[in-house]
Structures are given as structure tokens and as C-alpha cells.
N, C-alpha and C. Protein backbone atom coordinates (compact mmCIF):
# COMPACT_ATOMS: atom_id res chain seq x y z
N MET A 1 8.03 25.65 48.12
CA MET A 1 8.46 25.47 46.75
C MET A 1 7.29 25.04 45.86
N ALA A 2 6.36 24.26 46.41
CA ALA A 2 5.21 23.83 45.63
C ALA A 2 4.37 25.02 45.20
N ALA A 3 4.27 26.05 46.05
CA ALA A 3 3.49 27.23 45.69
C ALA A 3 4.11 27.93 44.48
N THR A 4 5.42 27.97 44.43
CA THR A 4 6.11 28.58 43.30
C THR A 4 5.83 27.79 42.03
N ASP A 5 5.90 26.46 42.14
CA ASP A 5 5.61 25.62 40.98
C ASP A 5 4.17 25.82 40.50
N ASP A 6 3.23 25.90 41.45
CA ASP A 6 1.83 26.11 41.10
C ASP A 6 1.64 27.46 40.43
N SER A 7 2.26 28.49 40.98
CA SER A 7 2.07 29.83 40.41
C SER A 7 2.71 29.93 39.03
N SER A 8 3.82 29.24 38.82
CA SER A 8 4.43 29.28 37.49
C SER A 8 3.58 28.50 36.49
N LEU A 9 2.93 27.44 36.94
CA LEU A 9 2.04 26.69 36.07
C LEU A 9 0.85 27.56 35.68
N VAL A 10 0.28 28.25 36.66
CA VAL A 10 -0.84 29.15 36.37
C VAL A 10 -0.40 30.24 35.41
N ALA A 11 0.78 30.79 35.62
CA ALA A 11 1.29 31.84 34.73
C ALA A 11 1.48 31.31 33.32
N ARG A 12 1.98 30.09 33.18
CA ARG A 12 2.17 29.52 31.84
C ARG A 12 0.83 29.27 31.16
N LEU A 13 -0.14 28.75 31.94
CA LEU A 13 -1.47 28.52 31.36
C LEU A 13 -2.12 29.83 30.95
N ALA A 14 -2.01 30.85 31.81
CA ALA A 14 -2.58 32.16 31.50
C ALA A 14 -1.94 32.75 30.25
N ALA A 15 -0.67 32.48 30.06
CA ALA A 15 0.04 33.02 28.89
C ALA A 15 -0.44 32.36 27.59
N THR A 16 -1.01 31.16 27.67
CA THR A 16 -1.48 30.48 26.47
C THR A 16 -2.88 30.90 26.06
N VAL A 17 -3.62 31.54 26.98
CA VAL A 17 -4.98 31.98 26.65
C VAL A 17 -4.90 33.18 25.72
N GLN A 18 -5.58 33.06 24.61
CA GLN A 18 -5.61 34.12 23.60
C GLN A 18 -6.73 35.11 23.92
N PRO A 19 -6.63 36.33 23.43
CA PRO A 19 -7.67 37.32 23.70
C PRO A 19 -9.06 36.84 23.25
N VAL A 20 -10.05 37.14 24.06
CA VAL A 20 -11.42 36.73 23.77
C VAL A 20 -12.32 37.96 23.87
N THR A 21 -13.19 38.14 22.90
CA THR A 21 -14.13 39.26 22.90
C THR A 21 -15.24 39.01 23.92
N THR A 22 -16.01 40.04 24.19
CA THR A 22 -17.16 39.89 25.10
C THR A 22 -18.13 38.85 24.54
N LEU A 23 -18.39 38.91 23.25
CA LEU A 23 -19.26 37.92 22.61
C LEU A 23 -18.68 36.52 22.77
N GLY A 24 -17.37 36.41 22.67
CA GLY A 24 -16.71 35.12 22.87
C GLY A 24 -16.89 34.59 24.28
N TRP A 25 -16.79 35.48 25.27
CA TRP A 25 -16.98 35.04 26.67
C TRP A 25 -18.41 34.59 26.91
N VAL A 26 -19.37 35.28 26.30
CA VAL A 26 -20.77 34.86 26.44
C VAL A 26 -20.95 33.46 25.84
N ALA A 27 -20.36 33.24 24.68
CA ALA A 27 -20.43 31.93 24.03
C ALA A 27 -19.75 30.86 24.88
N ILE A 28 -18.63 31.19 25.48
CA ILE A 28 -17.92 30.22 26.34
C ILE A 28 -18.79 29.83 27.53
N VAL A 29 -19.39 30.82 28.17
CA VAL A 29 -20.25 30.53 29.33
C VAL A 29 -21.44 29.67 28.92
N LEU A 30 -22.09 30.02 27.81
CA LEU A 30 -23.25 29.24 27.37
C LEU A 30 -22.84 27.84 26.90
N THR A 31 -21.68 27.73 26.29
CA THR A 31 -21.17 26.40 25.91
C THR A 31 -20.92 25.56 27.16
N ALA A 32 -20.39 26.18 28.19
CA ALA A 32 -20.17 25.47 29.46
C ALA A 32 -21.50 25.06 30.08
N VAL A 33 -22.50 25.92 30.00
CA VAL A 33 -23.82 25.59 30.57
C VAL A 33 -24.40 24.36 29.89
N THR A 34 -24.41 24.34 28.56
CA THR A 34 -24.97 23.18 27.86
C THR A 34 -24.10 21.94 28.09
N GLY A 35 -22.79 22.14 28.22
CA GLY A 35 -21.92 21.00 28.52
C GLY A 35 -22.20 20.40 29.88
N VAL A 36 -22.40 21.23 30.88
CA VAL A 36 -22.72 20.74 32.23
C VAL A 36 -24.07 20.04 32.24
N ILE A 37 -25.05 20.61 31.53
CA ILE A 37 -26.36 19.96 31.44
C ILE A 37 -26.23 18.58 30.81
N HIS A 38 -25.48 18.49 29.71
CA HIS A 38 -25.30 17.19 29.06
C HIS A 38 -24.58 16.20 29.97
N LEU A 39 -23.58 16.67 30.69
CA LEU A 39 -22.85 15.80 31.61
C LEU A 39 -23.77 15.30 32.72
N ALA A 40 -24.53 16.20 33.32
CA ALA A 40 -25.42 15.82 34.42
C ALA A 40 -26.48 14.83 33.95
N LEU A 41 -27.10 15.11 32.81
CA LEU A 41 -28.12 14.20 32.29
C LEU A 41 -27.52 12.88 31.83
N GLY A 42 -26.33 12.95 31.25
CA GLY A 42 -25.69 11.74 30.74
C GLY A 42 -25.24 10.80 31.85
N ILE A 43 -24.70 11.36 32.92
CA ILE A 43 -24.22 10.53 34.02
C ILE A 43 -25.37 9.73 34.62
N ASP A 44 -26.57 10.33 34.69
CA ASP A 44 -27.73 9.64 35.24
C ASP A 44 -28.15 8.45 34.39
N THR A 45 -27.84 8.47 33.11
CA THR A 45 -28.30 7.41 32.20
C THR A 45 -27.15 6.76 31.43
N VAL A 46 -25.94 6.82 32.01
CA VAL A 46 -24.73 6.42 31.28
C VAL A 46 -24.71 5.00 30.71
N PRO A 47 -25.38 4.02 31.25
CA PRO A 47 -25.32 2.73 30.55
C PRO A 47 -26.02 2.76 29.19
N SER A 48 -26.98 3.66 29.03
CA SER A 48 -27.73 3.70 27.78
C SER A 48 -26.92 4.43 26.70
N PRO A 49 -27.19 4.15 25.44
CA PRO A 49 -26.50 4.86 24.36
C PRO A 49 -26.69 6.37 24.44
N LEU A 50 -27.89 6.83 24.82
CA LEU A 50 -28.14 8.26 24.93
C LEU A 50 -27.31 8.87 26.06
N GLY A 51 -27.16 8.14 27.16
CA GLY A 51 -26.32 8.62 28.26
C GLY A 51 -24.87 8.76 27.85
N VAL A 52 -24.36 7.77 27.16
CA VAL A 52 -22.98 7.82 26.68
C VAL A 52 -22.80 8.96 25.69
N ALA A 53 -23.77 9.12 24.79
CA ALA A 53 -23.70 10.21 23.81
C ALA A 53 -23.72 11.57 24.50
N SER A 54 -24.51 11.70 25.56
CA SER A 54 -24.57 12.97 26.30
C SER A 54 -23.25 13.28 26.98
N VAL A 55 -22.62 12.27 27.58
CA VAL A 55 -21.32 12.48 28.22
C VAL A 55 -20.27 12.83 27.18
N LEU A 56 -20.30 12.17 26.04
CA LEU A 56 -19.35 12.50 24.97
C LEU A 56 -19.58 13.91 24.44
N ALA A 57 -20.84 14.32 24.33
CA ALA A 57 -21.15 15.69 23.89
C ALA A 57 -20.59 16.70 24.90
N ALA A 58 -20.73 16.39 26.19
CA ALA A 58 -20.18 17.28 27.23
C ALA A 58 -18.67 17.40 27.06
N GLY A 59 -18.01 16.28 26.78
CA GLY A 59 -16.57 16.31 26.53
C GLY A 59 -16.23 17.15 25.30
N GLY A 60 -17.06 17.06 24.28
CA GLY A 60 -16.86 17.87 23.08
C GLY A 60 -16.97 19.35 23.37
N PHE A 61 -17.94 19.72 24.18
CA PHE A 61 -18.09 21.13 24.56
C PHE A 61 -16.88 21.60 25.36
N ALA A 62 -16.44 20.77 26.31
CA ALA A 62 -15.27 21.15 27.13
C ALA A 62 -14.02 21.29 26.27
N GLY A 63 -13.82 20.35 25.36
CA GLY A 63 -12.67 20.43 24.48
C GLY A 63 -12.70 21.65 23.58
N ALA A 64 -13.88 21.99 23.09
CA ALA A 64 -14.03 23.17 22.24
C ALA A 64 -13.69 24.45 23.01
N ILE A 65 -14.10 24.50 24.27
CA ILE A 65 -13.79 25.68 25.09
C ILE A 65 -12.29 25.82 25.25
N VAL A 66 -11.62 24.72 25.56
CA VAL A 66 -10.16 24.77 25.74
C VAL A 66 -9.48 25.20 24.45
N LEU A 67 -9.84 24.60 23.34
CA LEU A 67 -9.23 24.96 22.06
C LEU A 67 -9.49 26.42 21.71
N TYR A 68 -10.72 26.88 21.96
CA TYR A 68 -11.04 28.27 21.65
C TYR A 68 -10.21 29.22 22.49
N LEU A 69 -10.10 28.93 23.80
CA LEU A 69 -9.31 29.80 24.68
C LEU A 69 -7.85 29.84 24.27
N MET A 70 -7.35 28.71 23.77
CA MET A 70 -5.95 28.66 23.37
C MET A 70 -5.74 29.24 21.97
N GLY A 71 -6.81 29.60 21.30
CA GLY A 71 -6.70 30.22 19.99
C GLY A 71 -6.55 29.25 18.84
N TYR A 72 -6.75 27.95 19.09
CA TYR A 72 -6.60 26.96 18.03
C TYR A 72 -7.89 26.83 17.23
N TRP A 73 -7.77 26.94 15.94
CA TRP A 73 -8.84 26.66 14.99
C TRP A 73 -10.15 27.34 15.36
N ARG A 74 -10.09 28.58 15.77
CA ARG A 74 -11.31 29.27 16.21
C ARG A 74 -12.39 29.30 15.13
N ARG A 75 -12.01 29.65 13.92
CA ARG A 75 -13.02 29.72 12.85
C ARG A 75 -13.58 28.34 12.54
N VAL A 76 -12.72 27.33 12.57
CA VAL A 76 -13.18 25.96 12.32
C VAL A 76 -14.13 25.51 13.43
N LEU A 77 -13.78 25.83 14.68
CA LEU A 77 -14.66 25.48 15.80
C LEU A 77 -16.03 26.11 15.65
N LEU A 78 -16.06 27.37 15.22
CA LEU A 78 -17.33 28.05 15.05
C LEU A 78 -18.15 27.42 13.93
N VAL A 79 -17.49 27.08 12.83
CA VAL A 79 -18.18 26.45 11.71
C VAL A 79 -18.72 25.07 12.11
N LEU A 80 -17.92 24.29 12.81
CA LEU A 80 -18.35 22.96 13.24
C LEU A 80 -19.36 23.02 14.38
N GLY A 81 -19.30 24.09 15.16
CA GLY A 81 -20.22 24.23 16.30
C GLY A 81 -21.67 24.36 15.87
N VAL A 82 -21.91 25.01 14.75
CA VAL A 82 -23.29 25.21 14.30
C VAL A 82 -23.99 23.87 14.03
N PRO A 83 -23.45 22.99 13.18
CA PRO A 83 -24.15 21.71 12.97
C PRO A 83 -24.09 20.79 14.20
N PHE A 84 -23.02 20.88 15.00
CA PHE A 84 -22.92 20.05 16.21
C PHE A 84 -24.07 20.39 17.16
N VAL A 85 -24.25 21.66 17.44
CA VAL A 85 -25.32 22.08 18.34
C VAL A 85 -26.69 21.92 17.67
N GLY A 86 -26.77 22.28 16.41
CA GLY A 86 -28.04 22.14 15.69
C GLY A 86 -28.53 20.71 15.64
N SER A 87 -27.62 19.77 15.42
CA SER A 87 -28.03 18.35 15.37
C SER A 87 -28.53 17.88 16.73
N GLN A 88 -28.00 18.43 17.80
CA GLN A 88 -28.47 18.05 19.13
C GLN A 88 -29.90 18.53 19.36
N ILE A 89 -30.22 19.72 18.85
CA ILE A 89 -31.59 20.23 18.97
C ILE A 89 -32.55 19.33 18.19
N VAL A 90 -32.16 19.00 16.96
CA VAL A 90 -33.01 18.15 16.12
C VAL A 90 -33.17 16.76 16.74
N LEU A 91 -32.08 16.15 17.19
CA LEU A 91 -32.17 14.82 17.80
C LEU A 91 -33.01 14.84 19.07
N TRP A 92 -32.84 15.88 19.88
CA TRP A 92 -33.66 16.00 21.09
C TRP A 92 -35.14 16.02 20.73
N TYR A 93 -35.47 16.81 19.72
CA TYR A 93 -36.87 16.91 19.29
C TYR A 93 -37.39 15.56 18.79
N LEU A 94 -36.59 14.87 17.98
CA LEU A 94 -37.02 13.57 17.44
C LEU A 94 -37.17 12.52 18.53
N LEU A 95 -36.30 12.55 19.52
CA LEU A 95 -36.36 11.55 20.60
C LEU A 95 -37.48 11.85 21.60
N ASN A 96 -37.76 13.12 21.83
CA ASN A 96 -38.75 13.49 22.85
C ASN A 96 -40.14 13.78 22.29
N GLU A 97 -40.22 14.16 21.02
CA GLU A 97 -41.48 14.45 20.35
C GLU A 97 -42.44 15.29 21.20
N PRO A 98 -42.00 16.46 21.65
CA PRO A 98 -42.91 17.28 22.45
C PRO A 98 -44.05 17.84 21.60
N THR A 99 -45.26 17.79 22.14
CA THR A 99 -46.41 18.33 21.41
C THR A 99 -46.92 19.62 22.04
N SER A 100 -46.44 19.91 23.27
CA SER A 100 -46.81 21.16 23.94
C SER A 100 -45.68 21.56 24.88
N LEU A 101 -45.75 22.76 25.41
CA LEU A 101 -44.72 23.21 26.36
C LEU A 101 -44.67 22.34 27.61
N GLY A 102 -45.80 21.74 27.96
CA GLY A 102 -45.86 20.86 29.12
C GLY A 102 -45.02 19.60 28.95
N ASP A 103 -44.69 19.26 27.71
CA ASP A 103 -43.88 18.06 27.44
C ASP A 103 -42.38 18.33 27.58
N ILE A 104 -42.02 19.59 27.80
CA ILE A 104 -40.60 19.96 27.86
C ILE A 104 -40.21 20.22 29.31
N SER A 105 -39.20 19.49 29.78
CA SER A 105 -38.73 19.71 31.15
C SER A 105 -38.02 21.06 31.24
N LEU A 106 -37.89 21.57 32.45
CA LEU A 106 -37.22 22.84 32.64
C LEU A 106 -35.78 22.77 32.14
N VAL A 107 -35.08 21.70 32.51
CA VAL A 107 -33.68 21.55 32.09
C VAL A 107 -33.59 21.42 30.57
N GLY A 108 -34.47 20.63 30.00
CA GLY A 108 -34.47 20.47 28.55
C GLY A 108 -34.77 21.78 27.83
N GLY A 109 -35.73 22.53 28.35
CA GLY A 109 -36.08 23.80 27.76
C GLY A 109 -34.94 24.81 27.84
N VAL A 110 -34.32 24.89 29.01
CA VAL A 110 -33.17 25.80 29.19
C VAL A 110 -32.06 25.41 28.22
N ASP A 111 -31.78 24.12 28.14
CA ASP A 111 -30.71 23.65 27.26
C ASP A 111 -30.98 24.01 25.80
N LYS A 112 -32.20 23.84 25.35
CA LYS A 112 -32.52 24.13 23.95
C LYS A 112 -32.47 25.63 23.67
N VAL A 113 -32.89 26.45 24.63
CA VAL A 113 -32.77 27.90 24.46
C VAL A 113 -31.30 28.29 24.39
N VAL A 114 -30.50 27.75 25.32
CA VAL A 114 -29.06 28.03 25.32
C VAL A 114 -28.44 27.61 23.99
N GLN A 115 -28.79 26.44 23.51
CA GLN A 115 -28.22 25.95 22.26
C GLN A 115 -28.65 26.79 21.06
N THR A 116 -29.88 27.25 21.06
CA THR A 116 -30.34 28.11 19.97
C THR A 116 -29.56 29.43 19.97
N VAL A 117 -29.37 30.00 21.15
CA VAL A 117 -28.58 31.23 21.26
C VAL A 117 -27.14 30.97 20.83
N LEU A 118 -26.60 29.81 21.17
CA LEU A 118 -25.23 29.47 20.78
C LEU A 118 -25.07 29.44 19.26
N ILE A 119 -26.03 28.89 18.57
CA ILE A 119 -25.94 28.85 17.10
C ILE A 119 -25.86 30.27 16.55
N VAL A 120 -26.69 31.15 17.06
CA VAL A 120 -26.67 32.55 16.61
C VAL A 120 -25.31 33.18 16.94
N LEU A 121 -24.82 32.95 18.16
CA LEU A 121 -23.52 33.51 18.55
C LEU A 121 -22.39 32.98 17.69
N TYR A 122 -22.38 31.68 17.42
CA TYR A 122 -21.32 31.10 16.59
C TYR A 122 -21.31 31.74 15.21
N VAL A 123 -22.49 31.95 14.62
CA VAL A 123 -22.57 32.57 13.30
C VAL A 123 -22.06 34.02 13.36
N LEU A 124 -22.51 34.77 14.37
CA LEU A 124 -22.06 36.16 14.51
C LEU A 124 -20.54 36.23 14.73
N MET A 125 -20.02 35.35 15.58
CA MET A 125 -18.58 35.36 15.85
C MET A 125 -17.79 34.99 14.60
N TYR A 126 -18.28 34.04 13.83
CA TYR A 126 -17.61 33.67 12.59
C TYR A 126 -17.56 34.85 11.63
N GLN A 127 -18.70 35.54 11.49
CA GLN A 127 -18.76 36.70 10.59
C GLN A 127 -17.80 37.79 11.05
N ARG A 128 -17.66 37.99 12.34
CA ARG A 128 -16.78 39.04 12.85
C ARG A 128 -15.31 38.66 12.75
N GLU A 129 -15.00 37.35 12.74
CA GLU A 129 -13.61 36.92 12.64
C GLU A 129 -13.18 36.80 11.18
N SER A 130 -14.11 36.96 10.25
CA SER A 130 -13.75 36.85 8.82
C SER A 130 -13.11 38.12 8.33
């Protein structure tokens, strides 16, 4: 009987997911990547304010993915996503003050590339949903 309950729960959850374009799926995957990076880095430094902020940012990314999949406030999420992600790039730069590529860790570099691509995707997706 538990299997039936589980399968009906999965069916109900699947029924709430709204259609997503290929561009949307790419954005979801990249949003998940930056969210996981923030969670991993934040957990390592969680007593510090930056660690807590990173964990909260990861939660924000996860929440945005859920809301987007459910079709809630998609255009609003895209509009808010641009400054949310953009501010993280600016804050990272101000806190780390890299002067050369050697000053950027692999994880930090990947995250900033992912976030830059996300900003472009959010703008493109907003334009296409208008």
C-alpha cells in the first residue's frame, strides 16, 4: 500500500510541474549548480556571516527552481534573478579582490561563469515570455 501512496504522490507532484522550454531546463540546471556550490562553500564556513549568506543564497536558488517548475511568478523570478545573481558576482569580486586569474579558485571561477551565463539566460527567457 505504501508503494501506491508513493506513486500517487509522485503523480500529483508531476501534475503540478508546468511546461519548461529547453532554455528553461538549461537555466534550471545552472541555477542548481550555483546553488550547490553556494551550499558546499557555505557549510564549510557557516558560523561566519559569509557562510550563512551562502547557505541562504543556496536556499534562494532552490526555492526559485521549485517556484519556476510549478509555474509561479515565472516572469517575476526572472526579473528578480538578474540583480540577485548580479549582486553575488559584484560582492564576490569586492570580497576577493582578484588581480589575476591565479587569484580565482576553480570553484569560484566556475561559479562566476555559471552566474554570468544565468544572467544572460534570465534576460533571454524574460524576453521570450513577454
